[in-house]
Amino acid sequence: MLTHLDYTAFQWVNHLAITDRFLNPFMVLLAEKAEYLFFAGILFYWFYHKEQNRKMVVSACIAACFSLAINMIIGDLYYRTRPFAAHHVVMLISHARNASFPSDHATAAFVIAMSIWLWRKRDGWIWLILASGIAISRVWTGVHYPLDVIAGMVIGVAGATVVHLLAAHLGKFNQFIEFLIGIYEKVESKIINTTLIRKEK
């Protein structure tokens, strides 16, 4: 029953690639390139030097690793064929015929977006909207079922929330985050000092 509803929902969204084809270039862009905006966002927050921002970025990265590891385990235990491999679909982008469930793109987008939201509510809403666009685009372009991206969203949001709670309430975990930041800042400081010395010479 659930699988039937999932496929019905997939058909409805995927058929929009025909009825609303003027949106196809935008959906292809979201499906293939929008993830780079998240990488750029992480870099921006990291170098926009505030102690809170760096803790947020490290938390997001830890949560992403944790969530994507869960995806790998689920994919190994339960293999779901991609919609384009099992049905006739409107396929707008090329993709390998690997496991469909859950969606790594949706997981990665939502784990970062939720991590940002937990630290910076105003910014976080923008990232959550973008993550939702990525999730929809993966169905629109024919490479995922709706349940794939919903599962990715749940895993990503849960992963970000768990790591945030650990950082807020578990002293040793927070110390671990500060330790990682400290290692980077020591290396950064040495590189900057070395560069300045070379310029002075």
C-alpha atoms as a PDB file:
ATOM      1  CA  MET A   1       0.000   0.000   0.000  1.00  0.00           C
ATOM      2  CA  LEU A   2       2.709   2.465   1.026  1.00  0.00           C
ATOM      3  CA  THR A   3       4.806   1.551  -2.003  1.00  0.00           C
ATOM      4  CA  HIS A   4       1.817   2.121  -4.280  1.00  0.00           C
ATOM      5  CA  LEU A   5       1.149   5.553  -2.765  1.00  0.00           C
ATOM      6  CA  ASP A   6       4.835   6.403  -3.087  1.00  0.00           C
ATOM      7  CA  TYR A   7       4.869   5.483  -6.767  1.00  0.00           C
ATOM      8  CA  THR A   8       1.636   7.413  -7.371  1.00  0.00           C
ATOM      9  CA  ALA A   9       3.164  10.501  -5.746  1.00  0.00           C
ATOM     10  CA  PHE A  10       6.319   9.994  -7.797  1.00  0.00           C
ATOM     11  CA  GLN A  11       4.317   9.865 -11.029  1.00  0.00           C
ATOM     12  CA  TRP A  12       2.501  13.078 -10.139  1.00  0.00           C
ATOM     13  CA  VAL A  13       5.695  15.013  -9.363  1.00  0.00           C
ATOM     14  CA  ASN A  14       7.707  13.521 -12.214  1.00  0.00           C
ATOM     15  CA  HIS A  15       4.906  14.297 -14.707  1.00  0.00           C
ATOM     16  CA  LEU A  16       5.352  17.978 -13.882  1.00  0.00           C
ATOM     17  CA  ALA A  17       8.508  17.749 -16.003  1.00  0.00           C
ATOM     18  CA  ILE A  18       6.091  17.523 -18.947  1.00  0.00           C
ATOM     19  CA  THR A  19       3.237  19.811 -17.885  1.00  0.00           C
ATOM     20  CA  ASP A  20       5.511  22.502 -16.373  1.00  0.00           C
ATOM     21  CA  ARG A  21       8.604  21.972 -18.452  1.00  0.00           C
ATOM     22  CA  PHE A  22       9.583  25.646 -18.212  1.00  0.00           C
ATOM     23  CA  LEU A  23      10.771  24.796 -14.681  1.00  0.00           C
ATOM     24  CA  ASN A  24      12.951  21.905 -15.840  1.00  0.00           C
ATOM     25  CA  PRO A  25      16.211  23.890 -16.156  1.00  0.00           C
ATOM     26  CA  PHE A  26      15.733  25.182 -12.607  1.00  0.00           C
ATOM     27  CA  MET A  27      14.972  21.683 -11.290  1.00  0.00           C
ATOM     28  CA  VAL A  28      18.005  20.220 -13.058  1.00  0.00           C
ATOM     29  CA  LEU A  29      20.122  22.982 -11.513  1.00  0.00           C
ATOM     30  CA  LEU A  30      18.767  22.171  -8.052  1.00  0.00           C
ATOM     31  CA  ALA A  31      19.197  18.428  -8.524  1.00  0.00           C
ATOM     32  CA  GLU A  32      22.781  18.591  -9.786  1.00  0.00           C
ATOM     33  CA  LYS A  33      24.403  21.826  -8.601  1.00  0.00           C
ATOM     34  CA  ALA A  34      22.587  23.212  -5.539  1.00  0.00           C
ATOM     35  CA  GLU A  35      24.628  20.995  -3.197  1.00  0.00           C
ATOM     36  CA  TYR A  36      27.641  23.196  -4.006  1.00  0.00           C
ATOM     37  CA  LEU A  37      25.797  26.126  -2.409  1.00  0.00           C
ATOM     38  CA  PHE A  38      25.862  24.177   0.840  1.00  0.00           C
ATOM     39  CA  PHE A  39      29.614  23.624   0.524  1.00  0.00           C
ATOM     40  CA  ALA A  40      30.058  27.343  -0.181  1.00  0.00           C
ATOM     41  CA  GLY A  41      27.833  28.182   2.786  1.00  0.00           C
ATOM     42  CA  ILE A  42      29.863  25.999   5.119  1.00  0.00           C
ATOM     43  CA  LEU A  43      33.072  27.692   3.961  1.00  0.00           C
ATOM     44  CA  PHE A  44      31.507  31.146   4.359  1.00  0.00           C
ATOM     45  CA  TYR A  45      30.403  30.483   7.929  1.00  0.00           C
ATOM     46  CA  TRP A  46      33.768  28.941   8.767  1.00  0.00           C
ATOM     47  CA  PHE A  47      35.765  31.943   7.618  1.00  0.00           C
ATOM     48  CA  TYR A  48      33.192  34.458   8.840  1.00  0.00           C
ATOM     49  CA  HIS A  49      35.127  34.211  12.069  1.00  0.00           C
ATOM     50  CA  LYS A  50      32.887  33.844  15.070  1.00  0.00           C
ATOM     51  CA  GLU A  51      33.359  31.160  17.681  1.00  0.00           C
ATOM     52  CA  GLN A  52      29.703  30.134  17.371  1.00  0.00           C
ATOM     53  CA  ASN A  53      29.983  29.796  13.581  1.00  0.00           C
ATOM     54  CA  ARG A  54      32.923  27.437  13.772  1.00  0.00           C
ATOM     55  CA  LYS A  55      31.190  25.271  16.354  1.00  0.00           C
ATOM     56  CA  MET A  56      28.160  25.219  14.070  1.00  0.00           C
ATOM     57  CA  VAL A  57      30.233  24.146  11.066  1.00  0.00           C
ATOM     58  CA  VAL A  58      32.037  21.377  12.949  1.00  0.00           C
ATOM     59  CA  SER A  59      28.715  20.160  14.357  1.00  0.00           C
ATOM     60  CA  ALA A  60      27.236  20.153  10.850  1.00  0.00           C
ATOM     61  CA  CYS A  61      30.164  18.160   9.454  1.00  0.00           C
ATOM     62  CA  ILE A  62      30.019  15.593  12.261  1.00  0.00           C
ATOM     63  CA  ALA A  63      26.252  15.269  11.814  1.00  0.00           C
ATOM     64  CA  ALA A  64      26.669  14.877   8.037  1.00  0.00           C
ATOM     65  CA  CYS A  65      29.205  12.064   8.480  1.00  0.00           C
ATOM     66  CA  PHE A  66      26.938  10.353  11.003  1.00  0.00           C
ATOM     67  CA  SER A  67      23.808  10.698   8.844  1.00  0.00           C
ATOM     68  CA  LEU A  68      25.438   9.581   5.598  1.00  0.00           C
ATOM     69  CA  ALA A  69      26.926   6.572   7.407  1.00  0.00           C
ATOM     70  CA  ILE A  70      23.393   5.614   8.434  1.00  0.00           C
ATOM     71  CA  ASN A  71      22.349   5.943   4.785  1.00  0.00           C
ATOM     72  CA  MET A  72      25.091   3.521   3.765  1.00  0.00           C
ATOM     73  CA  ILE A  73      23.964   0.972   6.347  1.00  0.00           C
ATOM     74  CA  ILE A  74      20.315   1.276   5.279  1.00  0.00           C
ATOM     75  CA  GLY A  75      21.297   0.998   1.621  1.00  0.00           C
ATOM     76  CA  ASP A  76      23.173  -2.228   2.350  1.00  0.00           C
ATOM     77  CA  LEU A  77      20.324  -3.721   4.372  1.00  0.00           C
ATOM     78  CA  TYR A  78      17.495  -2.617   2.091  1.00  0.00           C
ATOM     79  CA  TYR A  79      18.200  -2.136  -1.602  1.00  0.00           C
ATOM     80  CA  ARG A  80      15.586  -0.182  -3.524  1.00  0.00           C
ATOM     81  CA  THR A  81      15.850   0.142  -7.299  1.00  0.00           C
ATOM     82  CA  ARG A  82      15.878   3.633  -8.784  1.00  0.00           C
ATOM     83  CA  PRO A  83      12.555   4.672 -10.352  1.00  0.00           C
ATOM     84  CA  PHE A  84      14.084   4.967 -13.828  1.00  0.00           C
ATOM     85  CA  ALA A  85      15.390   1.402 -13.542  1.00  0.00           C
ATOM     86  CA  ALA A  86      11.984  -0.023 -12.621  1.00  0.00           C
ATOM     87  CA  HIS A  87       9.516   2.186 -14.512  1.00  0.00           C
ATOM     88  CA  HIS A  88       9.115   4.417 -17.509  1.00  0.00           C
ATOM     89  CA  VAL A  89       9.889   7.902 -16.190  1.00  0.00           C
ATOM     90  CA  VAL A  90      10.691  11.384 -17.410  1.00  0.00           C
ATOM     91  CA  MET A  91      14.411  11.432 -16.669  1.00  0.00           C
ATOM     92  CA  LEU A  92      16.105  14.808 -16.884  1.00  0.00           C
ATOM     93  CA  ILE A  93      19.536  13.944 -15.491  1.00  0.00           C
ATOM     94  CA  SER A  94      21.834  10.944 -15.790  1.00  0.00           C
ATOM     95  CA  HIS A  95      22.412   8.785 -12.738  1.00  0.00           C
ATOM     96  CA  ALA A  96      23.989   5.461 -11.821  1.00  0.00           C
ATOM     97  CA  ARG A  97      21.638   2.533 -11.163  1.00  0.00           C
ATOM     98  CA  ASN A  98      22.586   2.298  -7.495  1.00  0.00           C
ATOM     99  CA  ALA A  99      20.438   2.211  -4.351  1.00  0.00           C
ATOM    100  CA  SER A 100      17.606   4.719  -4.307  1.00  0.00           C
ATOM    101  CA  PHE A 101      16.681   4.649  -0.611  1.00  0.00           C
ATOM    102  CA  PRO A 102      17.388   6.862   1.226  1.00  0.00           C
ATOM    103  CA  SER A 103      18.452   9.935  -0.764  1.00  0.00           C
ATOM    104  CA  ASP A 104      21.998  11.069   0.034  1.00  0.00           C
ATOM    105  CA  HIS A 105      21.326  14.460  -1.560  1.00  0.00           C
ATOM    106  CA  ALA A 106      18.307  15.074   0.671  1.00  0.00           C
ATOM    107  CA  THR A 107      20.160  13.819   3.751  1.00  0.00           C
ATOM    108  CA  ALA A 108      23.203  16.015   3.144  1.00  0.00           C
ATOM    109  CA  ALA A 109      21.115  19.088   2.364  1.00  0.00           C
ATOM    110  CA  PHE A 110      18.834  18.733   5.377  1.00  0.00           C
ATOM    111  CA  VAL A 111      21.566  17.825   7.858  1.00  0.00           C
ATOM    112  CA  ILE A 112      23.464  21.008   7.000  1.00  0.00           C
ATOM    113  CA  ALA A 113      20.328  23.167   6.759  1.00  0.00           C
ATOM    114  CA  MET A 114      19.034  21.893  10.102  1.00  0.00           C
ATOM    115  CA  SER A 115      22.445  22.347  11.729  1.00  0.00           C
ATOM    116  CA  ILE A 116      22.434  25.980  10.628  1.00  0.00           C
ATOM    117  CA  TRP A 117      18.813  26.440  11.765  1.00  0.00           C
ATOM    118  CA  LEU A 118      19.618  25.133  15.239  1.00  0.00           C
ATOM    119  CA  TRP A 119      22.332  27.775  15.625  1.00  0.00           C
ATOM    120  CA  ARG A 120      21.043  30.625  13.458  1.00  0.00           C
ATOM    121  CA  LYS A 121      17.262  30.535  13.004  1.00  0.00           C
ATOM    122  CA  ARG A 122      16.974  33.363  10.448  1.00  0.00           C
ATOM    123  CA  ASP A 123      19.650  31.926   8.141  1.00  0.00           C
ATOM    124  CA  GLY A 124      18.435  28.403   8.767  1.00  0.00           C
ATOM    125  CA  TRP A 125      15.002  28.959   7.216  1.00  0.00           C
ATOM    126  CA  ILE A 126      16.634  29.936   3.921  1.00  0.00           C
ATOM    127  CA  TRP A 127      18.783  26.803   3.935  1.00  0.00           C
ATOM    128  CA  LEU A 128      15.803  24.608   4.819  1.00  0.00           C
ATOM    129  CA  ILE A 129      13.841  26.021   1.874  1.00  0.00           C
ATOM    130  CA  LEU A 130      16.793  25.307  -0.414  1.00  0.00           C
ATOM    131  CA  ALA A 131      17.070  21.765   0.986  1.00  0.00           C
ATOM    132  CA  SER A 132      13.367  21.236   0.287  1.00  0.00           C
ATOM    133  CA  GLY A 133      13.912  22.413  -3.288  1.00  0.00           C
ATOM    134  CA  ILE A 134      16.706  19.873  -3.722  1.00  0.00           C
ATOM    135  CA  ALA A 135      14.494  17.091  -2.358  1.00  0.00           C
ATOM    136  CA  ILE A 136      11.641  17.945  -4.744  1.00  0.00           C
ATOM    137  CA  SER A 137      14.025  18.267  -7.682  1.00  0.00           C
ATOM    138  CA  ARG A 138      15.383  14.761  -7.150  1.00  0.00           C
ATOM    139  CA  VAL A 139      11.859  13.383  -7.633  1.00  0.00           C
ATOM    140  CA  TRP A 140      11.022  15.830 -10.440  1.00  0.00           C
ATOM    141  CA  THR A 141      14.079  14.780 -12.441  1.00  0.00           C
ATOM    142  CA  GLY A 142      13.269  11.070 -12.077  1.00  0.00           C
ATOM    143  CA  VAL A 143      16.065   9.752  -9.861  1.00  0.00           C
ATOM    144  CA  HIS A 144      14.237   9.297  -6.521  1.00  0.00           C
ATOM    145  CA  TYR A 145      10.867   8.334  -5.117  1.00  0.00           C
ATOM    146  CA  PRO A 146       9.210  10.724  -2.625  1.00  0.00           C
ATOM    147  CA  LEU A 147       9.846   8.318   0.272  1.00  0.00           C
ATOM    148  CA  ASP A 148      13.556   8.321  -0.600  1.00  0.00           C
ATOM    149  CA  VAL A 149      13.848  12.061  -0.063  1.00  0.00           C
ATOM    150  CA  ILE A 150      11.491  12.049   2.938  1.00  0.00           C
ATOM    151  CA  ALA A 151      13.680   9.416   4.595  1.00  0.00           C
ATOM    152  CA  GLY A 152      16.757  11.480   3.744  1.00  0.00           C
ATOM    153  CA  MET A 153      15.131  14.540   5.287  1.00  0.00           C
ATOM    154  CA  VAL A 154      14.245  12.664   8.493  1.00  0.00           C
ATOM    155  CA  ILE A 155      17.740  11.197   8.827  1.00  0.00           C
ATOM    156  CA  GLY A 156      19.384  14.545   8.157  1.00  0.00           C
ATOM    157  CA  VAL A 157      17.189  16.473  10.591  1.00  0.00           C
ATOM    158  CA  ALA A 158      17.579  13.783  13.257  1.00  0.00           C
ATOM    159  CA  GLY A 159      21.360  13.636  12.813  1.00  0.00           C
ATOM    160  CA  ALA A 160      21.709  17.405  13.129  1.00  0.00           C
ATOM    161  CA  THR A 161      19.457  17.497  16.182  1.00  0.00           C
ATOM    162  CA  VAL A 162      21.284  14.673  17.972  1.00  0.00           C
ATOM    163  CA  VAL A 163      24.705  16.255  17.422  1.00  0.00           C
ATOM    164  CA  HIS A 164      23.403  19.667  18.505  1.00  0.00           C
ATOM    165  CA  LEU A 165      21.989  18.205  21.716  1.00  0.00           C
ATOM    166  CA  LEU A 166      25.229  16.369  22.409  1.00  0.00           C
ATOM    167  CA  ALA A 167      27.209  19.581  21.912  1.00  0.00           C
ATOM    168  CA  ALA A 168      24.836  21.490  24.187  1.00  0.00           C
ATOM    169  CA  HIS A 169      24.538  18.968  27.013  1.00  0.00           C
ATOM    170  CA  LEU A 170      27.599  16.716  26.885  1.00  0.00           C
ATOM    171  CA  GLY A 171      30.716  18.510  28.041  1.00  0.00           C
ATOM    172  CA  LYS A 172      33.171  16.016  26.581  1.00  0.00           C
ATOM    173  CA  PHE A 173      31.546  16.201  23.150  1.00  0.00           C
ATOM    174  CA  ASN A 174      31.681  19.993  23.223  1.00  0.00           C
ATOM    175  CA  GLN A 175      35.339  19.762  24.247  1.00  0.00           C
ATOM    176  CA  PHE A 176      35.969  17.466  21.279  1.00  0.00           C
ATOM    177  CA  ILE A 177      34.480  20.084  18.933  1.00  0.00           C
ATOM    178  CA  GLU A 178      36.626  22.805  20.515  1.00  0.00           C
ATOM    179  CA  PHE A 179      39.670  20.516  20.217  1.00  0.00           C
ATOM    180  CA  LEU A 180      39.101  20.113  16.457  1.00  0.00           C
ATOM    181  CA  ILE A 181      38.675  23.858  16.023  1.00  0.00           C
ATOM    182  CA  GLY A 182      41.816  24.478  18.073  1.00  0.00           C
ATOM    183  CA  ILE A 183      43.898  22.158  15.867  1.00  0.00           C
ATOM    184  CA  TYR A 184      42.750  23.980  12.731  1.00  0.00           C
ATOM    185  CA  GLU A 185      43.371  27.442  14.211  1.00  0.00           C
ATOM    186  CA  LYS A 186      46.899  26.486  15.286  1.00  0.00           C
ATOM    187  CA  VAL A 187      47.692  25.319  11.749  1.00  0.00           C
ATOM    188  CA  GLU A 188      46.010  28.432  10.306  1.00  0.00           C
ATOM    189  CA  SER A 189      48.024  30.686  12.590  1.00  0.00           C
ATOM    190  CA  LYS A 190      51.313  29.020  11.607  1.00  0.00           C
ATOM    191  CA  ILE A 191      50.514  29.361   7.897  1.00  0.00           C
ATOM    192  CA  ILE A 192      49.614  33.056   8.299  1.00  0.00           C
ATOM    193  CA  ASN A 193      52.774  33.775  10.339  1.00  0.00           C
ATOM    194  CA  THR A 194      54.965  31.944   7.810  1.00  0.00           C
ATOM    195  CA  THR A 195      53.379  33.923   4.957  1.00  0.00           C
ATOM    196  CA  LEU A 196      53.935  37.229   6.771  1.00  0.00           C
ATOM    197  CA  ILE A 197      57.582  36.376   7.479  1.00  0.00           C
ATOM    198  CA  ARG A 198      58.190  35.558   3.809  1.00  0.00           C
ATOM    199  CA  LYS A 199      56.591  38.843   2.728  1.00  0.00           C
ATOM    200  CA  GLU A 200      58.766  40.806   5.148  1.00  0.00           C
ATOM    201  CA  LYS A 201      61.869  39.185   3.662  1.00  0.00           C
END
